[in-house]
């Protein structure tokens, strides 16, 4: 069987496309927050400015909590002893507040983009 040959320019374009395609790029860096005793740890989490991040929020309490942030435009329930993943950014340099709506007096924190 004779296979048709791709023009060299077309083959080069396909190869270059694979290099810059989003799926070929490295995964965003991962950062973790833990909820325990109705508090976020760490209270301030430093993340890189100008870069998308993967934020894992693990709830070690038996009761649900909510990760909410007006600054980040995010709101998600974290079940008791559960975990969620959020993608955030890229952020401008600054301080972004988040809180747990079910325990607002104690469950507060900030992402600090530098």
C-alpha atoms as a PDB file:
ATOM      1  CA  UNK A   1       0.000   0.000   0.000  1.00  0.00           C
ATOM      2  CA  UNK A   2       1.294   3.418  -0.893  1.00  0.00           C
ATOM      3  CA  UNK A   3       0.781   6.047   1.791  1.00  0.00           C
ATOM      4  CA  UNK A   4       0.358   9.651   0.679  1.00  0.00           C
ATOM      5  CA  UNK A   5       3.106  11.938   1.900  1.00  0.00           C
ATOM      6  CA  UNK A   6       2.344  15.149   3.707  1.00  0.00           C
ATOM      7  CA  UNK A   7       3.932  18.274   2.327  1.00  0.00           C
ATOM      8  CA  UNK A   8       6.933  19.205   4.470  1.00  0.00           C
ATOM      9  CA  UNK A   9       5.467  22.601   5.417  1.00  0.00           C
ATOM     10  CA  UNK A  10       2.224  20.974   6.605  1.00  0.00           C
ATOM     11  CA  UNK A  11       4.083  18.340   8.642  1.00  0.00           C
ATOM     12  CA  UNK A  12       6.226  21.046  10.242  1.00  0.00           C
ATOM     13  CA  UNK A  13       3.114  23.059  11.111  1.00  0.00           C
ATOM     14  CA  UNK A  14       1.559  20.016  12.803  1.00  0.00           C
ATOM     15  CA  UNK A  15       4.728  19.385  14.803  1.00  0.00           C
ATOM     16  CA  UNK A  16       4.962  23.047  15.877  1.00  0.00           C
ATOM     17  CA  UNK A  17       1.283  23.038  16.860  1.00  0.00           C
ATOM     18  CA  UNK A  18       1.918  20.130  19.218  1.00  0.00           C
ATOM     19  CA  UNK A  19       4.632  22.173  20.943  1.00  0.00           C
ATOM     20  CA  UNK A  20       2.425  25.176  21.678  1.00  0.00           C
ATOM     21  CA  UNK A  21      -0.910  23.433  22.187  1.00  0.00           C
ATOM     22  CA  UNK A  22      -2.261  23.954  25.750  1.00  0.00           C
ATOM     23  CA  UNK A  23      -2.367  20.197  26.362  1.00  0.00           C
ATOM     24  CA  UNK A  24       1.359  20.051  25.668  1.00  0.00           C
ATOM     25  CA  UNK A  25       2.151  22.718  28.274  1.00  0.00           C
ATOM     26  CA  UNK A  26       3.199  21.886  31.821  1.00  0.00           C
ATOM     27  CA  UNK A  27       0.475  21.570  34.442  1.00  0.00           C
ATOM     28  CA  UNK A  28      -0.032  24.599  36.689  1.00  0.00           C
ATOM     29  CA  UNK A  29       1.780  24.475  40.035  1.00  0.00           C
ATOM     30  CA  UNK A  30      -0.239  23.015  42.903  1.00  0.00           C
ATOM     31  CA  UNK A  31      -0.864  24.711  46.267  1.00  0.00           C
ATOM     32  CA  UNK A  32      -2.741  23.274  49.231  1.00  0.00           C
ATOM     33  CA  UNK A  33      -5.005  24.671  51.927  1.00  0.00           C
ATOM     34  CA  UNK A  34      -6.216  22.578  54.861  1.00  0.00           C
ATOM     35  CA  UNK A  35      -9.370  23.211  56.886  1.00  0.00           C
ATOM     36  CA  UNK A  36      -9.064  21.934  60.446  1.00  0.00           C
ATOM     37  CA  UNK A  37     -10.935  23.115  63.539  1.00  0.00           C
ATOM     38  CA  UNK A  38     -12.861  25.492  61.237  1.00  0.00           C
ATOM     39  CA  UNK A  39      -9.653  27.336  60.231  1.00  0.00           C
ATOM     40  CA  UNK A  40      -7.694  27.517  57.001  1.00  0.00           C
ATOM     41  CA  UNK A  41      -4.018  26.574  57.177  1.00  0.00           C
ATOM     42  CA  UNK A  42      -1.947  28.365  56.134  1.00  0.00           C
ATOM     43  CA  UNK A  43      -3.832  31.583  56.770  1.00  0.00           C
ATOM     44  CA  UNK A  44      -1.749  33.308  54.096  1.00  0.00           C
ATOM     45  CA  UNK A  45      -0.675  31.306  51.076  1.00  0.00           C
ATOM     46  CA  UNK A  46       1.880  32.882  48.754  1.00  0.00           C
ATOM     47  CA  UNK A  47       1.382  32.077  45.061  1.00  0.00           C
ATOM     48  CA  UNK A  48       3.086  33.348  41.901  1.00  0.00           C
ATOM     49  CA  UNK A  49       1.530  36.394  40.228  1.00  0.00           C
ATOM     50  CA  UNK A  50       0.785  36.121  36.528  1.00  0.00           C
ATOM     51  CA  UNK A  51       0.456  32.340  36.577  1.00  0.00           C
ATOM     52  CA  UNK A  52      -2.506  29.977  36.761  1.00  0.00           C
ATOM     53  CA  UNK A  53      -2.415  27.702  39.824  1.00  0.00           C
ATOM     54  CA  UNK A  54      -4.130  24.530  40.967  1.00  0.00           C
ATOM     55  CA  UNK A  55      -5.500  25.009  44.490  1.00  0.00           C
ATOM     56  CA  UNK A  56      -6.379  21.900  46.503  1.00  0.00           C
ATOM     57  CA  UNK A  57      -8.561  22.521  49.564  1.00  0.00           C
ATOM     58  CA  UNK A  58      -8.727  19.608  52.006  1.00  0.00           C
ATOM     59  CA  UNK A  59     -11.317  19.622  54.785  1.00  0.00           C
ATOM     60  CA  UNK A  60     -10.093  17.559  57.744  1.00  0.00           C
ATOM     61  CA  UNK A  61     -13.170  18.444  59.817  1.00  0.00           C
ATOM     62  CA  UNK A  62     -16.145  16.049  59.854  1.00  0.00           C
ATOM     63  CA  UNK A  63     -18.529  18.894  58.954  1.00  0.00           C
ATOM     64  CA  UNK A  64     -18.758  20.649  55.572  1.00  0.00           C
ATOM     65  CA  UNK A  65     -17.217  24.046  54.935  1.00  0.00           C
ATOM     66  CA  UNK A  66     -17.368  26.425  52.027  1.00  0.00           C
ATOM     67  CA  UNK A  67     -14.435  27.956  50.213  1.00  0.00           C
ATOM     68  CA  UNK A  68     -15.697  31.358  49.142  1.00  0.00           C
ATOM     69  CA  UNK A  69     -13.959  34.411  47.769  1.00  0.00           C
ATOM     70  CA  UNK A  70     -15.450  37.532  46.276  1.00  0.00           C
ATOM     71  CA  UNK A  71     -11.941  38.592  45.212  1.00  0.00           C
ATOM     72  CA  UNK A  72     -11.356  35.330  43.304  1.00  0.00           C
ATOM     73  CA  UNK A  73     -14.976  34.900  42.188  1.00  0.00           C
ATOM     74  CA  UNK A  74     -15.149  31.382  43.641  1.00  0.00           C
ATOM     75  CA  UNK A  75     -17.682  29.567  45.837  1.00  0.00           C
ATOM     76  CA  UNK A  76     -17.518  25.840  46.447  1.00  0.00           C
ATOM     77  CA  UNK A  77     -18.609  23.472  49.234  1.00  0.00           C
ATOM     78  CA  UNK A  78     -15.954  21.171  50.696  1.00  0.00           C
ATOM     79  CA  UNK A  79     -17.651  18.162  52.276  1.00  0.00           C
ATOM     80  CA  UNK A  80     -16.589  16.898  55.685  1.00  0.00           C
ATOM     81  CA  UNK A  81     -13.320  14.957  55.307  1.00  0.00           C
ATOM     82  CA  UNK A  82     -13.430  15.878  51.617  1.00  0.00           C
ATOM     83  CA  UNK A  83     -11.297  17.664  49.077  1.00  0.00           C
ATOM     84  CA  UNK A  84     -11.880  20.035  46.161  1.00  0.00           C
ATOM     85  CA  UNK A  85      -9.677  21.383  43.382  1.00  0.00           C
ATOM     86  CA  UNK A  86      -9.926  24.941  42.056  1.00  0.00           C
ATOM     87  CA  UNK A  87      -7.983  26.592  39.260  1.00  0.00           C
ATOM     88  CA  UNK A  88      -7.183  30.224  39.997  1.00  0.00           C
ATOM     89  CA  UNK A  89      -5.444  32.961  38.071  1.00  0.00           C
ATOM     90  CA  UNK A  90      -3.394  34.236  36.584  1.00  0.00           C
ATOM     91  CA  UNK A  91      -3.558  36.835  39.349  1.00  0.00           C
ATOM     92  CA  UNK A  92      -2.145  40.333  39.473  1.00  0.00           C
ATOM     93  CA  UNK A  93       0.171  41.004  42.423  1.00  0.00           C
ATOM     94  CA  UNK A  94      -1.926  41.573  45.530  1.00  0.00           C
ATOM     95  CA  UNK A  95      -3.805  40.034  48.431  1.00  0.00           C
ATOM     96  CA  UNK A  96      -7.009  38.063  47.761  1.00  0.00           C
ATOM     97  CA  UNK A  97      -9.318  37.183  50.653  1.00  0.00           C
ATOM     98  CA  UNK A  98     -11.151  33.864  51.012  1.00  0.00           C
ATOM     99  CA  UNK A  99     -13.361  32.550  53.808  1.00  0.00           C
ATOM    100  CA  UNK A 100     -15.535  29.672  54.964  1.00  0.00           C
ATOM    101  CA  UNK A 101     -19.089  30.910  55.014  1.00  0.00           C
ATOM    102  CA  UNK A 102     -20.178  28.308  57.582  1.00  0.00           C
ATOM    103  CA  UNK A 103     -17.606  29.520  60.147  1.00  0.00           C
ATOM    104  CA  UNK A 104     -16.823  33.100  59.153  1.00  0.00           C
ATOM    105  CA  UNK A 105     -15.414  34.065  62.561  1.00  0.00           C
ATOM    106  CA  UNK A 106     -12.538  31.570  62.246  1.00  0.00           C
ATOM    107  CA  UNK A 107     -12.308  30.280  58.667  1.00  0.00           C
ATOM    108  CA  UNK A 108     -10.520  33.151  56.889  1.00  0.00           C
ATOM    109  CA  UNK A 109      -7.406  33.537  54.846  1.00  0.00           C
ATOM    110  CA  UNK A 110      -5.635  35.214  51.928  1.00  0.00           C
ATOM    111  CA  UNK A 111      -3.864  34.236  48.752  1.00  0.00           C
ATOM    112  CA  UNK A 112      -0.922  36.583  48.306  1.00  0.00           C
ATOM    113  CA  UNK A 113       0.225  36.844  44.695  1.00  0.00           C
ATOM    114  CA  UNK A 114       3.816  38.065  44.253  1.00  0.00           C
END
